[in-house]
Amino acid sequence: MLNQDILKGKWKQIKGEAQKKWGKLTDDDLDQINGDREIFLGKIQENYGVAREEAEEMLDDFERDQVS
Protein backbone atom coordinates (compact mmCIF):
# COMPACT_ATOMS: atom_id res chain seq x y z
CA MET A 1 0.00 0.00 0.00
CA LEU A 2 1.25 3.46 -0.87
CA ASN A 3 1.84 5.86 1.97
CA GLN A 4 -0.90 8.53 1.97
CA ASP A 5 1.71 11.28 1.44
CA ILE A 6 3.18 9.43 -1.55
CA LEU A 7 -0.28 8.88 -3.05
CA LYS A 8 -1.05 12.59 -2.67
CA GLY A 9 2.37 13.65 -3.98
CA LYS A 10 2.17 11.42 -7.05
CA TRP A 11 -1.53 11.91 -7.70
CA LYS A 12 -1.05 13.90 -10.91
CA GLN A 13 1.03 11.02 -12.33
CA ILE A 14 -1.22 8.27 -10.98
CA LYS A 15 -4.52 9.96 -11.93
CA GLY A 16 -4.34 8.85 -15.58
CA GLU A 17 -3.67 5.25 -14.57
CA ALA A 18 -6.60 5.39 -12.16
CA GLN A 19 -8.84 6.64 -14.99
CA LYS A 20 -7.73 3.70 -17.17
CA LYS A 21 -8.35 1.13 -14.44
CA TRP A 22 -11.64 2.59 -13.18
CA GLY A 23 -13.34 4.01 -16.26
CA LYS A 24 -16.53 4.70 -14.31
CA LEU A 25 -14.74 7.36 -12.28
CA THR A 26 -15.41 10.78 -13.74
CA ASP A 27 -12.94 13.64 -13.98
CA ASP A 28 -14.87 15.26 -11.12
CA ASP A 29 -14.47 12.07 -9.04
CA LEU A 30 -10.73 12.05 -9.70
CA ASP A 31 -10.44 15.75 -8.84
CA GLN A 32 -12.30 15.11 -5.57
CA ILE A 33 -10.05 12.15 -4.75
CA ASN A 34 -6.91 14.25 -5.24
CA GLY A 35 -4.76 11.49 -3.75
CA ASP A 36 -6.93 10.93 -0.66
CA ARG A 37 -7.18 7.18 -0.08
CA GLU A 38 -10.42 7.34 1.93
CA ILE A 39 -12.20 9.35 -0.75
CA PHE A 40 -10.73 7.02 -3.40
CA LEU A 41 -12.17 3.99 -1.58
CA GLY A 42 -15.56 5.67 -1.30
CA LYS A 43 -15.64 6.49 -5.01
CA ILE A 44 -14.75 2.90 -5.93
CA GLN A 45 -17.51 1.60 -3.65
CA GLU A 46 -20.04 4.10 -4.98
CA ASN A 47 -19.29 3.66 -8.69
CA TYR A 48 -18.72 -0.10 -8.70
CA GLY A 49 -21.18 -1.22 -6.02
CA VAL A 50 -18.59 -3.16 -4.02
CA ALA A 51 -18.08 -3.54 -0.29
CA ARG A 52 -15.29 -1.63 1.44
CA GLU A 53 -13.11 -4.76 1.76
CA GLU A 54 -13.30 -5.41 -1.98
CA ALA A 55 -12.59 -1.75 -2.75
CA GLU A 56 -9.52 -1.92 -0.47
CA GLU A 57 -8.27 -5.03 -2.27
CA MET A 58 -8.77 -3.36 -5.65
CA LEU A 59 -6.96 -0.22 -4.52
CA ASP A 60 -4.14 -2.23 -2.90
CA ASP A 61 -3.60 -4.09 -6.19
CA PHE A 62 -3.58 -0.80 -8.10
CA GLU A 63 -1.08 0.75 -5.68
CA ARG A 64 1.22 -2.28 -5.95
CA ASP A 65 1.18 -1.90 -9.73
CA GLN A 66 2.19 1.76 -9.38
CA VAL A 67 5.33 1.02 -7.35
CA SER A 68 6.51 -1.98 -9.36
PDB file of N, CA and C in Angstrom:
ATOM      1  N   MET A   1       0.841  -1.180   0.000  1.00  0.00           N
ATOM      2  CA  MET A   1       0.000   0.000   0.000  1.00  0.00           C
ATOM      3  C   MET A   1       0.884   1.240   0.000  1.00  0.00           C
ATOM      4  N   LEU A   2       0.512   2.211  -0.824  1.00  0.00           N
ATOM      5  CA  LEU A   2       1.254   3.459  -0.874  1.00  0.00           C
ATOM      6  C   LEU A   2       0.962   4.283   0.368  1.00  0.00           C
ATOM      7  N   ASN A   3       1.995   4.914   0.887  1.00  0.00           N
ATOM      8  CA  ASN A   3       1.841   5.859   1.968  1.00  0.00           C
ATOM      9  C   ASN A   3       0.927   6.983   1.482  1.00  0.00           C
ATOM     10  N   GLN A   4       0.051   7.475   2.359  1.00  0.00           N
ATOM     11  CA  GLN A   4      -0.898   8.534   1.973  1.00  0.00           C
ATOM     12  C   GLN A   4      -0.177   9.737   1.373  1.00  0.00           C
ATOM     13  N   ASP A   5       0.967  10.125   1.948  1.00  0.00           N
ATOM     14  CA  ASP A   5       1.708  11.281   1.435  1.00  0.00           C
ATOM     15  C   ASP A   5       2.234  11.018   0.030  1.00  0.00           C
ATOM     16  N   ILE A   6       2.679   9.788  -0.222  1.00  0.00           N
ATOM     17  CA  ILE A   6       3.177   9.433  -1.552  1.00  0.00           C
ATOM     18  C   ILE A   6       2.026   9.452  -2.550  1.00  0.00           C
ATOM     19  N   LEU A   7       0.887   8.893  -2.165  1.00  0.00           N
ATOM     20  CA  LEU A   7      -0.281   8.884  -3.047  1.00  0.00           C
ATOM     21  C   LEU A   7      -0.671  10.313  -3.409  1.00  0.00           C
ATOM     22  N   LYS A   8      -0.708  11.190  -2.412  1.00  0.00           N
ATOM     23  CA  LYS A   8      -1.050  12.593  -2.673  1.00  0.00           C
ATOM     24  C   LYS A   8       0.008  13.251  -3.553  1.00  0.00           C
ATOM     25  N   GLY A   9       1.279  13.018  -3.243  1.00  0.00           N
ATOM     26  CA  GLY A   9       2.368  13.649  -3.979  1.00  0.00           C
ATOM     27  C   GLY A   9       2.457  13.212  -5.431  1.00  0.00           C
ATOM     28  N   LYS A  10       2.087  11.964  -5.690  1.00  0.00           N
ATOM     29  CA  LYS A  10       2.173  11.424  -7.048  1.00  0.00           C
ATOM     30  C   LYS A  10       0.827  11.407  -7.762  1.00  0.00           C
ATOM     31  N   TRP A  11      -0.184  12.023  -7.167  1.00  0.00           N
ATOM     32  CA  TRP A  11      -1.532  11.914  -7.703  1.00  0.00           C
ATOM     33  C   TRP A  11      -1.617  12.347  -9.158  1.00  0.00           C
ATOM     34  N   LYS A  12      -0.951  13.425  -9.523  1.00  0.00           N
ATOM     35  CA  LYS A  12      -1.046  13.896 -10.911  1.00  0.00           C
ATOM     36  C   LYS A  12      -0.537  12.834 -11.880  1.00  0.00           C
ATOM     37  N   GLN A  13       0.491  12.084 -11.481  1.00  0.00           N
ATOM     38  CA  GLN A  13       1.031  11.021 -12.329  1.00  0.00           C
ATOM     39  C   GLN A  13       0.121   9.793 -12.312  1.00  0.00           C
ATOM     40  N   ILE A  14      -0.419   9.480 -11.166  1.00  0.00           N
ATOM     41  CA  ILE A  14      -1.222   8.269 -10.977  1.00  0.00           C
ATOM     42  C   ILE A  14      -2.648   8.438 -11.512  1.00  0.00           C
ATOM     43  N   LYS A  15      -3.130   9.664 -11.551  1.00  0.00           N
ATOM     44  CA  LYS A  15      -4.518   9.958 -11.931  1.00  0.00           C
ATOM     45  C   LYS A  15      -4.904   9.323 -13.272  1.00  0.00           C
ATOM     46  N   GLY A  16      -4.046   9.423 -14.264  1.00  0.00           N
ATOM     47  CA  GLY A  16      -4.338   8.847 -15.582  1.00  0.00           C
ATOM     48  C   GLY A  16      -4.462   7.340 -15.529  1.00  0.00           C
ATOM     49  N   GLU A  17      -3.597   6.702 -14.736  1.00  0.00           N
ATOM     50  CA  GLU A  17      -3.666   5.245 -14.575  1.00  0.00           C
ATOM     51  C   GLU A  17      -4.951   4.853 -13.852  1.00  0.00           C
ATOM     52  N   ALA A  18      -5.349   5.657 -12.880  1.00  0.00           N
ATOM     53  CA  ALA A  18      -6.599   5.391 -12.157  1.00  0.00           C
ATOM     54  C   ALA A  18      -7.791   5.488 -13.112  1.00  0.00           C
ATOM     55  N   GLN A  19      -7.750   6.468 -14.011  1.00  0.00           N
ATOM     56  CA  GLN A  19      -8.837   6.640 -14.990  1.00  0.00           C
ATOM     57  C   GLN A  19      -8.911   5.429 -15.917  1.00  0.00           C
ATOM     58  N   LYS A  20      -7.751   4.895 -16.301  1.00  0.00           N
ATOM     59  CA  LYS A  20      -7.732   3.705 -17.168  1.00  0.00           C
ATOM     60  C   LYS A  20      -8.317   2.493 -16.450  1.00  0.00           C
ATOM     61  N   LYS A  21      -7.910   2.313 -15.190  1.00  0.00           N
ATOM     62  CA  LYS A  21      -8.350   1.135 -14.435  1.00  0.00           C
ATOM     63  C   LYS A  21      -9.826   1.226 -14.055  1.00  0.00           C
ATOM     64  N   TRP A  22     -10.260   2.393 -13.622  1.00  0.00           N
ATOM     65  CA  TRP A  22     -11.637   2.591 -13.180  1.00  0.00           C
ATOM     66  C   TRP A  22     -12.318   3.597 -14.099  1.00  0.00           C
ATOM     67  N   GLY A  23     -12.730   3.148 -15.262  1.00  0.00           N
ATOM     68  CA  GLY A  23     -13.339   4.013 -16.263  1.00  0.00           C
ATOM     69  C   GLY A  23     -14.640   4.664 -15.829  1.00  0.00           C
ATOM     70  N   LYS A  24     -15.281   4.101 -14.799  1.00  0.00           N
ATOM     71  CA  LYS A  24     -16.531   4.698 -14.314  1.00  0.00           C
ATOM     72  C   LYS A  24     -16.281   5.952 -13.477  1.00  0.00           C
ATOM     73  N   LEU A  25     -15.041   6.158 -13.049  1.00  0.00           N
ATOM     74  CA  LEU A  25     -14.736   7.360 -12.275  1.00  0.00           C
ATOM     75  C   LEU A  25     -14.659   8.548 -13.226  1.00  0.00           C
ATOM     76  N   THR A  26     -15.393   9.586 -12.901  1.00  0.00           N
ATOM     77  CA  THR A  26     -15.411  10.784 -13.743  1.00  0.00           C
ATOM     78  C   THR A  26     -14.211  11.672 -13.416  1.00  0.00           C
ATOM     79  N   ASP A  27     -13.989  12.662 -14.269  1.00  0.00           N
ATOM     80  CA  ASP A  27     -12.939  13.643 -13.978  1.00  0.00           C
ATOM     81  C   ASP A  27     -13.227  14.345 -12.658  1.00  0.00           C
ATOM     82  N   ASP A  28     -14.498  14.627 -12.390  1.00  0.00           N
ATOM     83  CA  ASP A  28     -14.868  15.257 -11.119  1.00  0.00           C
ATOM     84  C   ASP A  28     -14.530  14.346  -9.943  1.00  0.00           C
ATOM     85  N   ASP A  29     -14.818  13.032 -10.089  1.00  0.00           N
ATOM     86  CA  ASP A  29     -14.467  12.072  -9.036  1.00  0.00           C
ATOM     87  C   ASP A  29     -12.964  12.124  -8.768  1.00  0.00           C
ATOM     88  N   LEU A  30     -12.184  12.070  -9.841  1.00  0.00           N
ATOM     89  CA  LEU A  30     -10.726  12.051  -9.703  1.00  0.00           C
ATOM     90  C   LEU A  30     -10.211  13.349  -9.092  1.00  0.00           C
ATOM     91  N   ASP A  31     -10.823  14.468  -9.445  1.00  0.00           N
ATOM     92  CA  ASP A  31     -10.436  15.745  -8.839  1.00  0.00           C
ATOM     93  C   ASP A  31     -10.772  15.762  -7.353  1.00  0.00           C
ATOM     94  N   GLN A  32     -11.916  15.182  -6.984  1.00  0.00           N
ATOM     95  CA  GLN A  32     -12.297  15.114  -5.569  1.00  0.00           C
ATOM     96  C   GLN A  32     -11.357  14.201  -4.795  1.00  0.00           C
ATOM     97  N   ILE A  33     -10.959  13.099  -5.404  1.00  0.00           N
ATOM     98  CA  ILE A  33     -10.053  12.153  -4.746  1.00  0.00           C
ATOM     99  C   ILE A  33      -8.738  12.845  -4.424  1.00  0.00           C
ATOM    100  N   ASN A  34      -8.141  13.481  -5.413  1.00  0.00           N
ATOM    101  CA  ASN A  34      -6.911  14.251  -5.242  1.00  0.00           C
ATOM    102  C   ASN A  34      -5.884  13.555  -4.342  1.00  0.00           C
ATOM    103  N   GLY A  35      -5.759  12.239  -4.502  1.00  0.00           N
ATOM    104  CA  GLY A  35      -4.761  11.491  -3.746  1.00  0.00           C
ATOM    105  C   GLY A  35      -5.191  11.058  -2.359  1.00  0.00           C
ATOM    106  N   ASP A  36      -6.437  11.308  -1.982  1.00  0.00           N
ATOM    107  CA  ASP A  36      -6.934  10.930  -0.657  1.00  0.00           C
ATOM    108  C   ASP A  36      -7.489   9.510  -0.716  1.00  0.00           C
ATOM    109  N   ARG A  37      -6.838   8.599  -0.010  1.00  0.00           N
ATOM    110  CA  ARG A  37      -7.184   7.176  -0.080  1.00  0.00           C
ATOM    111  C   ARG A  37      -8.619   6.900   0.368  1.00  0.00           C
ATOM    112  N   GLU A  38      -9.062   7.568   1.428  1.00  0.00           N
ATOM    113  CA  GLU A  38     -10.423   7.337   1.930  1.00  0.00           C
ATOM    114  C   GLU A  38     -11.470   7.752   0.901  1.00  0.00           C
ATOM    115  N   ILE A  39     -11.262   8.897   0.281  1.00  0.00           N
ATOM    116  CA  ILE A  39     -12.205   9.347  -0.751  1.00  0.00           C
ATOM    117  C   ILE A  39     -12.147   8.395  -1.936  1.00  0.00           C
ATOM    118  N   PHE A  40     -10.934   7.966  -2.293  1.00  0.00           N
ATOM    119  CA  PHE A  40     -10.734   7.022  -3.401  1.00  0.00           C
ATOM    120  C   PHE A  40     -11.540   5.750  -3.139  1.00  0.00           C
ATOM    121  N   LEU A  41     -11.423   5.205  -1.936  1.00  0.00           N
ATOM    122  CA  LEU A  41     -12.168   3.990  -1.584  1.00  0.00           C
ATOM    123  C   LEU A  41     -13.673   4.220  -1.705  1.00  0.00           C
ATOM    124  N   GLY A  42     -14.136   5.354  -1.215  1.00  0.00           N
ATOM    125  CA  GLY A  42     -15.561   5.669  -1.295  1.00  0.00           C
ATOM    126  C   GLY A  42     -16.054   5.756  -2.730  1.00  0.00           C
ATOM    127  N   LYS A  43     -15.251   6.353  -3.594  1.00  0.00           N
ATOM    128  CA  LYS A  43     -15.640   6.489  -5.007  1.00  0.00           C
ATOM    129  C   LYS A  43     -15.668   5.127  -5.700  1.00  0.00           C
ATOM    130  N   ILE A  44     -14.737   4.248  -5.357  1.00  0.00           N
ATOM    131  CA  ILE A  44     -14.746   2.898  -5.933  1.00  0.00           C
ATOM    132  C   ILE A  44     -16.012   2.173  -5.483  1.00  0.00           C
ATOM    133  N   GLN A  45     -16.313   2.248  -4.180  1.00  0.00           N
ATOM    134  CA  GLN A  45     -17.513   1.599  -3.654  1.00  0.00           C
ATOM    135  C   GLN A  45     -18.770   2.139  -4.339  1.00  0.00           C
ATOM    136  N   GLU A  46     -18.858   3.442  -4.427  1.00  0.00           N
ATOM    137  CA  GLU A  46     -20.043   4.102  -4.985  1.00  0.00           C
ATOM    138  C   GLU A  46     -20.241   3.769  -6.463  1.00  0.00           C
ATOM    139  N   ASN A  47     -19.178   3.836  -7.238  1.00  0.00           N
ATOM    140  CA  ASN A  47     -19.292   3.656  -8.687  1.00  0.00           C
ATOM    141  C   ASN A  47     -19.335   2.200  -9.123  1.00  0.00           C
ATOM    142  N   TYR A  48     -18.783   1.308  -8.307  1.00  0.00           N
ATOM    143  CA  TYR A  48     -18.720  -0.100  -8.704  1.00  0.00           C
ATOM    144  C   TYR A  48     -19.586  -1.012  -7.844  1.00  0.00           C
ATOM    145  N   GLY A  49     -20.255  -0.446  -6.832  1.00  0.00           N
ATOM    146  CA  GLY A  49     -21.177  -1.225  -6.017  1.00  0.00           C
ATOM    147  C   GLY A  49     -20.520  -2.372  -5.272  1.00  0.00           C
ATOM    148  N   VAL A  50     -19.305  -2.123  -4.760  1.00  0.00           N
ATOM    149  CA  VAL A  50     -18.590  -3.164  -4.021  1.00  0.00           C
ATOM    150  C   VAL A  50     -18.486  -2.769  -2.552  1.00  0.00           C
ATOM    151  N   ALA A  51     -18.270  -3.776  -1.711  1.00  0.00           N
ATOM    152  CA  ALA A  51     -18.081  -3.538  -0.285  1.00  0.00           C
ATOM    153  C   ALA A  51     -16.711  -2.903  -0.048  1.00  0.00           C
ATOM    154  N   ARG A  52     -16.548  -2.307   1.115  1.00  0.00           N
ATOM    155  CA  ARG A  52     -15.288  -1.632   1.439  1.00  0.00           C
ATOM    156  C   ARG A  52     -14.095  -2.578   1.313  1.00  0.00           C
ATOM    157  N   GLU A  53     -14.228  -3.799   1.823  1.00  0.00           N
ATOM    158  CA  GLU A  53     -13.111  -4.755   1.757  1.00  0.00           C
ATOM    159  C   GLU A  53     -12.677  -4.999   0.319  1.00  0.00           C
ATOM    160  N   GLU A  54     -13.636  -5.174  -0.575  1.00  0.00           N
ATOM    161  CA  GLU A  54     -13.301  -5.411  -1.977  1.00  0.00           C
ATOM    162  C   GLU A  54     -12.655  -4.169  -2.595  1.00  0.00           C
ATOM    163  N   ALA A  55     -13.173  -2.995  -2.247  1.00  0.00           N
ATOM    164  CA  ALA A  55     -12.588  -1.748  -2.752  1.00  0.00           C
ATOM    165  C   ALA A  55     -11.144  -1.609  -2.269  1.00  0.00           C
ATOM    166  N   GLU A  56     -10.888  -1.985  -1.012  1.00  0.00           N
ATOM    167  CA  GLU A  56      -9.525  -1.919  -0.473  1.00  0.00           C
ATOM    168  C   GLU A  56      -8.596  -2.868  -1.224  1.00  0.00           C
ATOM    169  N   GLU A  57      -9.080  -4.077  -1.516  1.00  0.00           N
ATOM    170  CA  GLU A  57      -8.266  -5.031  -2.273  1.00  0.00           C
ATOM    171  C   GLU A  57      -7.955  -4.495  -3.669  1.00  0.00           C
ATOM    172  N   MET A  58      -8.959  -3.919  -4.315  1.00  0.00           N
ATOM    173  CA  MET A  58      -8.769  -3.356  -5.652  1.00  0.00           C
ATOM    174  C   MET A  58      -7.742  -2.224  -5.617  1.00  0.00           C
ATOM    175  N   LEU A  59      -7.871  -1.351  -4.618  1.00  0.00           N
ATOM    176  CA  LEU A  59      -6.958  -0.217  -4.516  1.00  0.00           C
ATOM    177  C   LEU A  59      -5.554  -0.682  -4.140  1.00  0.00           C
ATOM    178  N   ASP A  60      -5.455  -1.674  -3.252  1.00  0.00           N
ATOM    179  CA  ASP A  60      -4.139  -2.226  -2.900  1.00  0.00           C
ATOM    180  C   ASP A  60      -3.439  -2.791  -4.133  1.00  0.00           C
ATOM    181  N   ASP A  61      -4.175  -3.532  -4.957  1.00  0.00           N
ATOM    182  CA  ASP A  61      -3.600  -4.088  -6.192  1.00  0.00           C
ATOM    183  C   ASP A  61      -3.121  -2.970  -7.113  1.00  0.00           C
ATOM    184  N   PHE A  62      -3.933  -1.944  -7.259  1.00  0.00           N
ATOM    185  CA  PHE A  62      -3.579  -0.805  -8.105  1.00  0.00           C
ATOM    186  C   PHE A  62      -2.309  -0.130  -7.587  1.00  0.00           C
ATOM    187  N   GLU A  63      -2.251   0.087  -6.271  1.00  0.00           N
ATOM    188  CA  GLU A  63      -1.084   0.748  -5.684  1.00  0.00           C
ATOM    189  C   GLU A  63       0.176  -0.087  -5.876  1.00  0.00           C
ATOM    190  N   ARG A  64       0.054  -1.404  -5.723  1.00  0.00           N
ATOM    191  CA  ARG A  64       1.217  -2.280  -5.947  1.00  0.00           C
ATOM    192  C   ARG A  64       1.724  -2.140  -7.376  1.00  0.00           C
ATOM    193  N   ASP A  65       0.800  -2.067  -8.325  1.00  0.00           N
ATOM    194  CA  ASP A  65       1.180  -1.895  -9.732  1.00  0.00           C
ATOM    195  C   ASP A  65       1.913  -0.578  -9.960  1.00  0.00           C
ATOM    196  N   GLN A  66       1.577   0.439  -9.189  1.00  0.00           N
ATOM    197  CA  GLN A  66       2.189   1.757  -9.379  1.00  0.00           C
ATOM    198  C   GLN A  66       3.626   1.822  -8.871  1.00  0.00           C
ATOM    199  N   VAL A  67       3.967   0.985  -7.901  1.00  0.00           N
ATOM    200  CA  VAL A  67       5.330   1.021  -7.354  1.00  0.00           C
ATOM    201  C   VAL A  67       6.237  -0.029  -7.976  1.00  0.00           C
ATOM    202  N   SER A  68       5.669  -0.936  -8.762  1.00  0.00           N
ATOM    203  CA  SER A  68       6.514  -1.981  -9.360  1.00  0.00           C
ATOM    204  C   SER A  68       6.956  -1.606 -10.751  1.00  0.00           C
TER     205      SER A  68
END
